[in-house]
Amino acid sequence: MFNKTALRTIVATAFLAAPGAVLAEGATSLLARFQQIGFVEDTGAAIRIEAGDALRTISQEVPAAVCHLHNGVAPEMSAKLLREGLDNFDVMADALLNGNPDFGIIGGEQRAKTRRLIEEVKVSWAPLKEAGEQVLANPADESAVEVLYSTASDMLDQTYYLLSELEGEYANPVELLYSDALLLEVAGRQSMLSQRISFLGCLVWSGAADETYIDLLNTAAGQFKFGMAAMQNGAPELGIQPPPTPEIAAKLEYMSSDFDVISGHLVTIMETGALAPDNAETLYEILADKMYTMNDVAHLYAIYSKRVY
């Protein structure tokens, strides 16, 4: 069985810095990455976990996009991420439930408990998707925005629980090594944290959150930094290996290349409760770039788990 305790020890520690970048153009879309794996001849254990990771990330990507769109920050980009998140969640959840050979997920979910959890996630997501569609149609719709704000943490918890069950089910010596599942988990966690930070930061600087959210933001930032160090350098005490390929190592180096920019803006938010519009846009763009890049890393780990290198 997957050792969930090892992952839960990756919690907030230091909150430091590192040097600059902007949103990469042509980032591989979520669906395109999954379509690239269709040649794999197995039931898709790694891809199922990757899809579960995607649901967890989208649970924060969508409210982050809603917050920025509602506040007029990078409206074209925030609308794009919101549209992608709303669409991708349904596709990933359906692939987990019923299978999708184009993604490399062969056959529907067979375990009754996991099927039930996927179905529950789909039910919980329905009103959030409706609210997201309303925000796309009218970014000033306060009631729809509040639906996304108020349910973001619950949706994160629910998708995290589903992911834990997927890891416990599919991480085994026959289908997916524990060490590979761990790398997938940490990469997916970093993707989610990029959007969790984006969402919480937006809530604070826009005046939609009280001081308790500053603590949540600080914790998420610390978790993100700790996770990056573990992925780049390895963390033997947690069973986390250093990057196994040059391609993954290069992407992880890029991931950490501008944490000083992120750190500076987050410190401003936490100290003043505000952020200049230009800086809010820059922070949102960088964190979106982190999400895209880490999603690519997770996909590379999924491929690596099949040792096709």
Foldseek 3Di string as FASTA:
>chain_A
DADVVLVVVLWFDDQDAAADDFFDPPQDAPVNLLLVPLVDPDQQLLLLLLLLLLQLQLLLQQLLLLLCCLVVFPVVVSLVSNVSSLVSNVVSLCCAAANDSSRPNHGGDDDPVLNVLSVVLVVVCVLLSVLSVVCSVPSNPVVSSVVSVVCSVVSNVSSVVSSVVSCVVQDDPVHFPSQLSVQLVLLSLLLNLLSVLSNLLSCQQVVNDDLVSLVVNSTSSRSNVSSLCCACPNDVVSSHDHDPDPVLNVLSCVLRNHRNLLSVQSVCCNVPSHDDSVSSNRSNRSSVSSNSSSSVSSSVSSVCRVVPD
